[in-house]
Amino acid sequence: MTTVLKALLQQRHLQTVAAFNREYDRVAEKIDRDLVGYGPKRAQFYRWLSGDISGHPYPDHCRILQMMFPDWTIAELFEQYSGSPDDLRRTKQPVSRPISGEPELAGIEAVFSNRLEFLRAMPPQELLKTAQTIDMAGLSLNMLCQQYSDSEILRLLENGSVIRCLFLDPNGNSIRSREIEEGHPAGLLVNLTDTNIRTLERVRKRIASDARGSLQIRTYDQPIRFNITIIDSTVCVMQPYLPLVRGVESPTFVARKSEESGILEIFTEVFESMWLGAKERVPG
């Protein structure tokens, strides 16, 4: 038996464990240097190729695989496949679309006029409850820190979720510029963001030593443009930060991974770029 993953690796001449792990480390260097050197061992790798596994690999492995093969879901990678690698390549060629007909929406599946409408339609408790990877970037990340309880975050981590949180630096200049733009008293957004970061740091200290998941926190100091949440590399929630308007009042867009690259892939690249340039909050 063989998997789609094996055929794709054969296309790239990466079907040996040594060649695969070199590519694994190259991708890990881009998204999370802590994962360099933690590719699959020989026995594990060849189980991946044969499909002799129960469930999906650990979340960190899934993150690397998703970056290696952005046109495929994790579930698709581990499906059984009996054709040739060349045939597989042809099955994933972009589908040509007629000029007339419905417009291409680039994966957008829902639009809400503000964040409150989004939260009513897609509560975080439902959106995140089975997530294996959660990537968030924005200002104070209230959707996780204010809408999700400490115990729910711990449950995610104990079940193997990897959560990456990227806050606007409460000690930076950009957050003070945003306070002025939104018309807040000095220190309001600074204090809220600092409180949310400390809340997650408190949760991180409670993670059991044998928990499979991880909670990573970083900060950045740049003009704020979007609030981004990416779940399992398949769903992206994004909001623009508009002039003179609080984030909660901005339109909210939900995109889902589709056969063709679209909004989700664009914002995944934005997040990864921001994450690489951000400053890590080391556990105290």
C-alpha atoms as a PDB file:
ATOM      1  CA  MET A   1       0.000   0.000   0.000  1.00  0.00           C
ATOM      2  CA  THR A   2       1.094   3.578  -0.575  1.00  0.00           C
ATOM      3  CA  THR A   3      -0.174   7.080   0.148  1.00  0.00           C
ATOM      4  CA  VAL A   4      -0.632  10.317  -1.755  1.00  0.00           C
ATOM      5  CA  LEU A   5       2.241  11.669   0.377  1.00  0.00           C
ATOM      6  CA  LYS A   6       4.629   9.013  -0.990  1.00  0.00           C
ATOM      7  CA  ALA A   7       3.690   9.823  -4.595  1.00  0.00           C
ATOM      8  CA  LEU A   8       4.195  13.551  -4.003  1.00  0.00           C
ATOM      9  CA  LEU A   9       7.591  12.903  -2.416  1.00  0.00           C
ATOM     10  CA  GLN A  10       8.562  10.721  -5.374  1.00  0.00           C
ATOM     11  CA  GLN A  11       7.766  13.660  -7.654  1.00  0.00           C
ATOM     12  CA  ARG A  12      10.285  15.741  -5.704  1.00  0.00           C
ATOM     13  CA  HIS A  13      12.804  12.902  -5.188  1.00  0.00           C
ATOM     14  CA  LEU A  14      12.347  13.142  -1.414  1.00  0.00           C
ATOM     15  CA  GLN A  15      11.165   9.583  -0.729  1.00  0.00           C
ATOM     16  CA  THR A  16      14.103   8.668   1.535  1.00  0.00           C
ATOM     17  CA  VAL A  17      14.062   9.636   5.195  1.00  0.00           C
ATOM     18  CA  ALA A  18      17.319  11.583   4.901  1.00  0.00           C
ATOM     19  CA  ALA A  19      16.141  13.622   1.903  1.00  0.00           C
ATOM     20  CA  PHE A  20      12.746  14.241   3.487  1.00  0.00           C
ATOM     21  CA  ASN A  21      14.201  15.439   6.773  1.00  0.00           C
ATOM     22  CA  ARG A  22      16.512  17.862   4.991  1.00  0.00           C
ATOM     23  CA  GLU A  23      13.438  19.412   3.381  1.00  0.00           C
ATOM     24  CA  TYR A  24      11.579  19.222   6.726  1.00  0.00           C
ATOM     25  CA  ASP A  25      14.341  21.249   8.402  1.00  0.00           C
ATOM     26  CA  ARG A  26      14.396  23.764   5.557  1.00  0.00           C
ATOM     27  CA  VAL A  27      10.663  24.445   6.004  1.00  0.00           C
ATOM     28  CA  ALA A  28      10.925  24.406   9.807  1.00  0.00           C
ATOM     29  CA  GLU A  29      13.630  27.075   9.612  1.00  0.00           C
ATOM     30  CA  LYS A  30      11.049  29.368   8.017  1.00  0.00           C
ATOM     31  CA  ILE A  31       8.091  28.828  10.339  1.00  0.00           C
ATOM     32  CA  ASP A  32       9.484  27.693  13.706  1.00  0.00           C
ATOM     33  CA  ARG A  33      13.193  27.108  14.315  1.00  0.00           C
ATOM     34  CA  ASP A  34      12.370  25.017  17.391  1.00  0.00           C
ATOM     35  CA  LEU A  35      11.143  22.275  15.036  1.00  0.00           C
ATOM     36  CA  VAL A  36      14.465  21.936  13.191  1.00  0.00           C
ATOM     37  CA  GLY A  37      15.871  18.472  13.779  1.00  0.00           C
ATOM     38  CA  TYR A  38      12.540  16.994  14.886  1.00  0.00           C
ATOM     39  CA  GLY A  39      11.462  15.354  11.641  1.00  0.00           C
ATOM     40  CA  PRO A  40      10.074  11.793  11.713  1.00  0.00           C
ATOM     41  CA  LYS A  41      12.316   8.881  12.593  1.00  0.00           C
ATOM     42  CA  ARG A  42      12.884   6.175   9.981  1.00  0.00           C
ATOM     43  CA  ALA A  43      10.146   3.778  11.151  1.00  0.00           C
ATOM     44  CA  GLN A  44       7.650   6.587  11.573  1.00  0.00           C
ATOM     45  CA  PHE A  45       8.467   8.041   8.139  1.00  0.00           C
ATOM     46  CA  TYR A  46       7.896   4.756   6.334  1.00  0.00           C
ATOM     47  CA  ARG A  47       4.596   4.269   8.175  1.00  0.00           C
ATOM     48  CA  TRP A  48       3.580   7.657   6.747  1.00  0.00           C
ATOM     49  CA  LEU A  49       4.454   6.467   3.245  1.00  0.00           C
ATOM     50  CA  SER A  50       2.505   3.221   3.601  1.00  0.00           C
ATOM     51  CA  GLY A  51      -0.456   4.741   5.443  1.00  0.00           C
ATOM     52  CA  ASP A  52       0.080   2.446   8.432  1.00  0.00           C
ATOM     53  CA  ILE A  53      -0.974   5.100  10.957  1.00  0.00           C
ATOM     54  CA  SER A  54      -4.044   5.793  13.069  1.00  0.00           C
ATOM     55  CA  GLY A  55      -5.211   9.388  12.802  1.00  0.00           C
ATOM     56  CA  HIS A  56      -2.962  12.240  11.739  1.00  0.00           C
ATOM     57  CA  PRO A  57       0.653  12.962  12.756  1.00  0.00           C
ATOM     58  CA  TYR A  58       1.322  15.306  15.667  1.00  0.00           C
ATOM     59  CA  PRO A  59       0.334  18.953  15.075  1.00  0.00           C
ATOM     60  CA  ASP A  60       3.927  20.137  14.558  1.00  0.00           C
ATOM     61  CA  HIS A  61       4.417  17.555  11.810  1.00  0.00           C
ATOM     62  CA  CYS A  62       1.109  18.626  10.262  1.00  0.00           C
ATOM     63  CA  ARG A  63       2.275  22.250  10.175  1.00  0.00           C
ATOM     64  CA  ILE A  64       5.401  21.282   8.245  1.00  0.00           C
ATOM     65  CA  LEU A  65       3.512  18.997   5.853  1.00  0.00           C
ATOM     66  CA  GLN A  66       0.937  21.712   5.190  1.00  0.00           C
ATOM     67  CA  MET A  67       3.694  24.142   4.227  1.00  0.00           C
ATOM     68  CA  MET A  68       5.373  21.513   2.017  1.00  0.00           C
ATOM     69  CA  PHE A  69       2.126  20.691   0.206  1.00  0.00           C
ATOM     70  CA  PRO A  70      -0.188  23.738   0.448  1.00  0.00           C
ATOM     71  CA  ASP A  71      -2.526  22.387  -2.263  1.00  0.00           C
ATOM     72  CA  TRP A  72      -3.358  19.283  -0.214  1.00  0.00           C
ATOM     73  CA  THR A  73      -5.106  18.783   3.122  1.00  0.00           C
ATOM     74  CA  ILE A  74      -3.513  16.543   5.750  1.00  0.00           C
ATOM     75  CA  ALA A  75      -6.311  14.019   5.279  1.00  0.00           C
ATOM     76  CA  GLU A  76      -5.634  13.905   1.510  1.00  0.00           C
ATOM     77  CA  LEU A  77      -1.909  13.345   2.032  1.00  0.00           C
ATOM     78  CA  PHE A  78      -2.576  10.112   3.917  1.00  0.00           C
ATOM     79  CA  GLU A  79      -5.199   8.710   1.572  1.00  0.00           C
ATOM     80  CA  GLN A  80      -4.319   5.481  -0.234  1.00  0.00           C
ATOM     81  CA  TYR A  81      -3.096   5.970  -3.806  1.00  0.00           C
ATOM     82  CA  SER A  82      -2.359   3.323  -6.445  1.00  0.00           C
ATOM     83  CA  GLY A  83      -1.496   5.404  -9.514  1.00  0.00           C
ATOM     84  CA  SER A  84       1.805   6.843 -10.686  1.00  0.00           C
ATOM     85  CA  PRO A  85       3.280  10.099  -9.381  1.00  0.00           C
ATOM     86  CA  ASP A  86       2.824  11.707 -12.808  1.00  0.00           C
ATOM     87  CA  ASP A  87      -0.880  10.870 -12.842  1.00  0.00           C
ATOM     88  CA  LEU A  88      -1.238  12.400  -9.385  1.00  0.00           C
ATOM     89  CA  ARG A  89       0.354  15.608 -10.577  1.00  0.00           C
ATOM     90  CA  ARG A  90      -2.161  15.902 -13.372  1.00  0.00           C
ATOM     91  CA  THR A  91      -5.127  15.405 -11.050  1.00  0.00           C
ATOM     92  CA  LYS A  92      -4.207  18.556  -9.119  1.00  0.00           C
ATOM     93  CA  GLN A  93      -3.719  20.914 -12.057  1.00  0.00           C
ATOM     94  CA  PRO A  94      -5.749  24.141 -11.707  1.00  0.00           C
ATOM     95  CA  VAL A  95      -9.198  23.885 -13.210  1.00  0.00           C
ATOM     96  CA  SER A  96      -9.836  26.448 -15.920  1.00  0.00           C
ATOM     97  CA  ARG A  97     -12.924  28.569 -15.328  1.00  0.00           C
ATOM     98  CA  PRO A  98     -15.142  30.247 -17.880  1.00  0.00           C
ATOM     99  CA  ILE A  99     -15.046  34.008 -18.123  1.00  0.00           C
ATOM    100  CA  SER A 100     -18.788  34.215 -17.676  1.00  0.00           C
ATOM    101  CA  GLY A 101     -20.745  32.782 -14.768  1.00  0.00           C
ATOM    102  CA  GLU A 102     -20.316  33.170 -11.007  1.00  0.00           C
ATOM    103  CA  PRO A 103     -17.376  35.315  -9.829  1.00  0.00           C
ATOM    104  CA  GLU A 104     -14.364  33.647  -8.200  1.00  0.00           C
ATOM    105  CA  LEU A 105     -14.472  34.414  -4.463  1.00  0.00           C
ATOM    106  CA  ALA A 106     -10.961  33.135  -3.614  1.00  0.00           C
ATOM    107  CA  GLY A 107     -12.223  30.863  -0.862  1.00  0.00           C
ATOM    108  CA  ILE A 108     -14.393  33.438   0.941  1.00  0.00           C
ATOM    109  CA  GLU A 109     -17.406  31.656   2.408  1.00  0.00           C
ATOM    110  CA  ALA A 110     -18.883  34.260   4.785  1.00  0.00           C
ATOM    111  CA  VAL A 111     -18.780  38.006   5.398  1.00  0.00           C
ATOM    112  CA  PHE A 112     -20.044  39.750   8.536  1.00  0.00           C
ATOM    113  CA  SER A 113     -20.498  43.506   8.980  1.00  0.00           C
ATOM    114  CA  ASN A 114     -18.711  43.441  12.356  1.00  0.00           C
ATOM    115  CA  ARG A 115     -17.041  41.085  14.815  1.00  0.00           C
ATOM    116  CA  LEU A 116     -20.115  40.732  17.035  1.00  0.00           C
ATOM    117  CA  GLU A 117     -22.165  39.314  14.154  1.00  0.00           C
ATOM    118  CA  PHE A 118     -19.330  36.897  13.431  1.00  0.00           C
ATOM    119  CA  LEU A 119     -19.126  35.782  17.078  1.00  0.00           C
ATOM    120  CA  ARG A 120     -22.875  35.121  17.178  1.00  0.00           C
ATOM    121  CA  ALA A 121     -22.734  33.044  14.007  1.00  0.00           C
ATOM    122  CA  MET A 122     -19.426  31.273  14.739  1.00  0.00           C
ATOM    123  CA  PRO A 123     -18.764  31.185  18.514  1.00  0.00           C
ATOM    124  CA  PRO A 124     -15.096  30.559  19.391  1.00  0.00           C
ATOM    125  CA  GLN A 125     -16.136  27.650  21.596  1.00  0.00           C
ATOM    126  CA  GLU A 126     -17.355  25.842  18.475  1.00  0.00           C
ATOM    127  CA  LEU A 127     -14.787  27.200  16.034  1.00  0.00           C
ATOM    128  CA  LEU A 128     -11.755  26.187  18.098  1.00  0.00           C
ATOM    129  CA  LYS A 129     -12.905  23.203  20.132  1.00  0.00           C
ATOM    130  CA  THR A 130     -11.301  20.516  17.929  1.00  0.00           C
ATOM    131  CA  ALA A 131      -8.482  22.633  16.436  1.00  0.00           C
ATOM    132  CA  GLN A 132      -5.024  21.080  16.230  1.00  0.00           C
ATOM    133  CA  THR A 133      -3.276  24.295  15.165  1.00  0.00           C
ATOM    134  CA  ILE A 134      -4.357  27.873  15.903  1.00  0.00           C
ATOM    135  CA  ASP A 135      -2.373  30.854  14.600  1.00  0.00           C
ATOM    136  CA  MET A 136      -3.510  34.319  15.721  1.00  0.00           C
ATOM    137  CA  ALA A 137      -2.146  37.800  15.024  1.00  0.00           C
ATOM    138  CA  GLY A 138      -3.654  41.163  15.807  1.00  0.00           C
ATOM    139  CA  LEU A 139      -3.831  43.644  18.646  1.00  0.00           C
ATOM    140  CA  SER A 140      -5.091  42.109  21.912  1.00  0.00           C
ATOM    141  CA  LEU A 141      -6.423  38.759  20.562  1.00  0.00           C
ATOM    142  CA  ASN A 142      -9.650  39.070  22.534  1.00  0.00           C
ATOM    143  CA  MET A 143     -11.312  36.192  20.661  1.00  0.00           C
ATOM    144  CA  LEU A 144      -9.020  33.786  22.505  1.00  0.00           C
ATOM    145  CA  CYS A 145      -8.161  35.719  25.642  1.00  0.00           C
ATOM    146  CA  GLN A 146     -11.608  37.141  26.464  1.00  0.00           C
ATOM    147  CA  GLN A 147     -14.013  34.764  24.720  1.00  0.00           C
ATOM    148  CA  TYR A 148     -12.287  31.486  25.644  1.00  0.00           C
ATOM    149  CA  SER A 149     -11.778  30.312  29.210  1.00  0.00           C
ATOM    150  CA  ASP A 150      -8.468  29.224  30.741  1.00  0.00           C
ATOM    151  CA  SER A 151      -9.789  25.681  31.206  1.00  0.00           C
ATOM    152  CA  GLU A 152     -10.829  25.455  27.541  1.00  0.00           C
ATOM    153  CA  ILE A 153      -7.375  26.595  26.403  1.00  0.00           C
ATOM    154  CA  LEU A 154      -5.761  24.017  28.684  1.00  0.00           C
ATOM    155  CA  ARG A 155      -8.019  21.313  27.271  1.00  0.00           C
ATOM    156  CA  LEU A 156      -6.880  22.193  23.753  1.00  0.00           C
ATOM    157  CA  LEU A 157      -3.227  22.019  24.772  1.00  0.00           C
ATOM    158  CA  GLU A 158      -3.638  18.725  26.606  1.00  0.00           C
ATOM    159  CA  ASN A 159      -5.273  17.299  23.469  1.00  0.00           C
ATOM    160  CA  GLY A 160      -2.245  18.253  21.389  1.00  0.00           C
ATOM    161  CA  SER A 161      -3.144  21.680  19.985  1.00  0.00           C
ATOM    162  CA  VAL A 162      -0.319  24.037  19.009  1.00  0.00           C
ATOM    163  CA  ILE A 163      -1.335  27.679  19.567  1.00  0.00           C
ATOM    164  CA  ARG A 164       0.751  30.594  18.288  1.00  0.00           C
ATOM    165  CA  CYS A 165      -0.288  34.062  19.498  1.00  0.00           C
ATOM    166  CA  LEU A 166       1.163  37.257  18.018  1.00  0.00           C
ATOM    167  CA  PHE A 167       0.260  40.424  19.959  1.00  0.00           C
ATOM    168  CA  LEU A 168       0.910  44.076  19.152  1.00  0.00           C
ATOM    169  CA  ASP A 169       3.750  44.924  21.543  1.00  0.00           C
ATOM    170  CA  PRO A 170       2.301  46.718  24.612  1.00  0.00           C
ATOM    171  CA  ASN A 171       5.702  48.386  25.065  1.00  0.00           C
ATOM    172  CA  GLY A 172       5.988  49.507  21.446  1.00  0.00           C
ATOM    173  CA  ASN A 173       5.115  52.656  19.523  1.00  0.00           C
ATOM    174  CA  SER A 174       2.492  51.183  17.191  1.00  0.00           C
ATOM    175  CA  ILE A 175       0.016  50.373  19.944  1.00  0.00           C
ATOM    176  CA  ARG A 176       0.148  53.962  21.197  1.00  0.00           C
ATOM    177  CA  SER A 177      -0.481  55.206  17.672  1.00  0.00           C
ATOM    178  CA  ARG A 178      -3.523  52.928  17.504  1.00  0.00           C
ATOM    179  CA  GLU A 179      -4.842  54.314  20.800  1.00  0.00           C
ATOM    180  CA  ILE A 180      -4.719  57.798  19.309  1.00  0.00           C
ATOM    181  CA  GLU A 181      -6.337  56.641  16.067  1.00  0.00           C
ATOM    182  CA  GLU A 182      -9.247  54.983  17.908  1.00  0.00           C
ATOM    183  CA  GLY A 183      -9.605  57.953  20.284  1.00  0.00           C
ATOM    184  CA  HIS A 184      -8.839  56.000  23.473  1.00  0.00           C
ATOM    185  CA  PRO A 185      -7.283  57.410  26.631  1.00  0.00           C
ATOM    186  CA  ALA A 186      -3.540  56.790  26.759  1.00  0.00           C
ATOM    187  CA  GLY A 187      -2.774  53.317  28.114  1.00  0.00           C
ATOM    188  CA  LEU A 188      -6.159  51.678  27.481  1.00  0.00           C
ATOM    189  CA  LEU A 189      -5.047  49.314  24.689  1.00  0.00           C
ATOM    190  CA  VAL A 190      -1.615  48.936  26.293  1.00  0.00           C
ATOM    191  CA  ASN A 191      -3.165  47.688  29.541  1.00  0.00           C
ATOM    192  CA  LEU A 192      -5.685  45.422  27.797  1.00  0.00           C
ATOM    193  CA  THR A 193      -3.023  43.794  25.645  1.00  0.00           C
ATOM    194  CA  ASP A 194      -0.620  43.385  28.547  1.00  0.00           C
ATOM    195  CA  THR A 195      -3.413  41.773  30.604  1.00  0.00           C
ATOM    196  CA  ASN A 196      -4.248  39.328  27.813  1.00  0.00           C
ATOM    197  CA  ILE A 197      -0.599  38.347  27.373  1.00  0.00           C
ATOM    198  CA  ARG A 198      -0.231  37.765  31.105  1.00  0.00           C
ATOM    199  CA  THR A 199      -3.434  35.697  31.085  1.00  0.00           C
ATOM    200  CA  LEU A 200      -1.951  33.348  28.493  1.00  0.00           C
ATOM    201  CA  GLU A 201       1.371  33.268  30.315  1.00  0.00           C
ATOM    202  CA  ARG A 202      -0.495  32.182  33.432  1.00  0.00           C
ATOM    203  CA  VAL A 203      -2.227  29.434  31.422  1.00  0.00           C
ATOM    204  CA  ARG A 204       1.118  28.353  29.963  1.00  0.00           C
ATOM    205  CA  LYS A 205       2.511  27.788  33.447  1.00  0.00           C
ATOM    206  CA  ARG A 206      -0.339  25.346  34.141  1.00  0.00           C
ATOM    207  CA  ILE A 207       0.342  23.117  31.139  1.00  0.00           C
ATOM    208  CA  ALA A 208       1.128  19.588  32.265  1.00  0.00           C
ATOM    209  CA  SER A 209       4.635  18.385  31.479  1.00  0.00           C
ATOM    210  CA  ASP A 210       3.245  15.520  29.394  1.00  0.00           C
ATOM    211  CA  ALA A 211       0.909  17.719  27.330  1.00  0.00           C
ATOM    212  CA  ARG A 212       1.402  17.201  23.587  1.00  0.00           C
ATOM    213  CA  GLY A 213       0.447  20.739  22.624  1.00  0.00           C
ATOM    214  CA  SER A 214       2.207  24.044  23.120  1.00  0.00           C
ATOM    215  CA  LEU A 215       1.348  27.720  23.610  1.00  0.00           C
ATOM    216  CA  GLN A 216       3.782  30.149  21.977  1.00  0.00           C
ATOM    217  CA  ILE A 217       3.596  33.925  22.489  1.00  0.00           C
ATOM    218  CA  ARG A 218       5.365  36.630  20.501  1.00  0.00           C
ATOM    219  CA  THR A 219       4.993  40.393  20.063  1.00  0.00           C
ATOM    220  CA  TYR A 220       5.555  42.726  17.112  1.00  0.00           C
ATOM    221  CA  ASP A 221       5.743  46.491  16.728  1.00  0.00           C
ATOM    222  CA  GLN A 222       4.401  47.434  13.290  1.00  0.00           C
ATOM    223  CA  PRO A 223       1.467  49.505  11.998  1.00  0.00           C
ATOM    224  CA  ILE A 224      -1.517  47.252  12.596  1.00  0.00           C
ATOM    225  CA  ARG A 225      -3.402  46.177   9.470  1.00  0.00           C
ATOM    226  CA  PHE A 226      -5.264  42.914  10.081  1.00  0.00           C
ATOM    227  CA  ASN A 227      -6.545  40.640  12.800  1.00  0.00           C
ATOM    228  CA  ILE A 228      -5.845  37.103  11.566  1.00  0.00           C
ATOM    229  CA  THR A 229      -6.905  33.708  12.917  1.00  0.00           C
ATOM    230  CA  ILE A 230      -5.940  30.550  11.009  1.00  0.00           C
ATOM    231  CA  ILE A 231      -7.309  27.209  12.193  1.00  0.00           C
ATOM    232  CA  ASP A 232      -5.800  23.885  11.109  1.00  0.00           C
ATOM    233  CA  SER A 233      -4.463  25.576   7.963  1.00  0.00           C
ATOM    234  CA  THR A 234      -7.972  25.248   6.487  1.00  0.00           C
ATOM    235  CA  VAL A 235     -10.033  28.157   7.893  1.00  0.00           C
ATOM    236  CA  CYS A 236      -8.969  31.805   8.058  1.00  0.00           C
ATOM    237  CA  VAL A 237     -10.824  34.589   9.866  1.00  0.00           C
ATOM    238  CA  MET A 238      -9.545  38.090   9.088  1.00  0.00           C
ATOM    239  CA  GLN A 239     -10.534  41.655   9.917  1.00  0.00           C
ATOM    240  CA  PRO A 240      -9.024  44.899   8.656  1.00  0.00           C
ATOM    241  CA  TYR A 241      -8.183  47.612  11.180  1.00  0.00           C
ATOM    242  CA  LEU A 242      -9.951  50.690   9.831  1.00  0.00           C
ATOM    243  CA  PRO A 243      -9.199  54.345  10.635  1.00  0.00           C
ATOM    244  CA  LEU A 244     -11.136  55.760  13.612  1.00  0.00           C
ATOM    245  CA  VAL A 245     -13.017  52.467  14.102  1.00  0.00           C
ATOM    246  CA  ARG A 246     -12.549  49.945  16.915  1.00  0.00           C
ATOM    247  CA  GLY A 247     -11.588  46.461  15.815  1.00  0.00           C
ATOM    248  CA  VAL A 248     -14.863  45.000  17.084  1.00  0.00           C
ATOM    249  CA  GLU A 249     -16.735  47.208  14.599  1.00  0.00           C
ATOM    250  CA  SER A 250     -14.785  46.187  11.489  1.00  0.00           C
ATOM    251  CA  PRO A 251     -16.087  43.778   8.826  1.00  0.00           C
ATOM    252  CA  THR A 252     -15.094  40.150   9.350  1.00  0.00           C
ATOM    253  CA  PHE A 253     -14.291  37.714   6.528  1.00  0.00           C
ATOM    254  CA  VAL A 254     -14.142  33.916   6.750  1.00  0.00           C
ATOM    255  CA  ALA A 255     -12.214  31.970   4.102  1.00  0.00           C
ATOM    256  CA  ARG A 256     -11.786  28.229   3.722  1.00  0.00           C
ATOM    257  CA  LYS A 257      -9.100  26.272   1.886  1.00  0.00           C
ATOM    258  CA  SER A 258     -10.176  25.439  -1.639  1.00  0.00           C
ATOM    259  CA  GLU A 259      -8.631  23.629  -4.600  1.00  0.00           C
ATOM    260  CA  GLU A 260      -7.049  26.830  -5.852  1.00  0.00           C
ATOM    261  CA  SER A 261      -4.872  29.196  -3.850  1.00  0.00           C
ATOM    262  CA  GLY A 262      -6.837  32.102  -2.431  1.00  0.00           C
ATOM    263  CA  ILE A 263      -7.317  34.300   0.607  1.00  0.00           C
ATOM    264  CA  LEU A 264      -6.283  31.647   3.130  1.00  0.00           C
ATOM    265  CA  GLU A 265      -2.887  31.128   1.493  1.00  0.00           C
ATOM    266  CA  ILE A 266      -2.287  34.886   1.289  1.00  0.00           C
ATOM    267  CA  PHE A 267      -2.951  35.440   4.973  1.00  0.00           C
ATOM    268  CA  THR A 268      -0.987  32.323   5.947  1.00  0.00           C
ATOM    269  CA  GLU A 269       2.054  33.886   4.280  1.00  0.00           C
ATOM    270  CA  VAL A 270       1.351  37.207   6.036  1.00  0.00           C
ATOM    271  CA  PHE A 271       1.175  35.470   9.409  1.00  0.00           C
ATOM    272  CA  GLU A 272       4.343  33.435   8.883  1.00  0.00           C
ATOM    273  CA  SER A 273       6.267  36.526   7.813  1.00  0.00           C
ATOM    274  CA  MET A 274       5.120  38.450  10.874  1.00  0.00           C
ATOM    275  CA  TRP A 275       5.850  35.502  13.159  1.00  0.00           C
ATOM    276  CA  LEU A 276       9.427  35.159  11.932  1.00  0.00           C
ATOM    277  CA  GLY A 277      10.118  38.841  12.591  1.00  0.00           C
ATOM    278  CA  ALA A 278       8.436  38.945  16.004  1.00  0.00           C
ATOM    279  CA  LYS A 279       9.928  38.955  19.502  1.00  0.00           C
ATOM    280  CA  GLU A 280       9.400  35.863  21.648  1.00  0.00           C
ATOM    281  CA  ARG A 281       7.894  36.082  25.127  1.00  0.00           C
ATOM    282  CA  VAL A 282      10.059  33.608  27.026  1.00  0.00           C
ATOM    283  CA  PRO A 283       8.226  31.696  29.793  1.00  0.00           C
ATOM    284  CA  GLY A 284       9.033  33.253  33.150  1.00  0.00           C
END
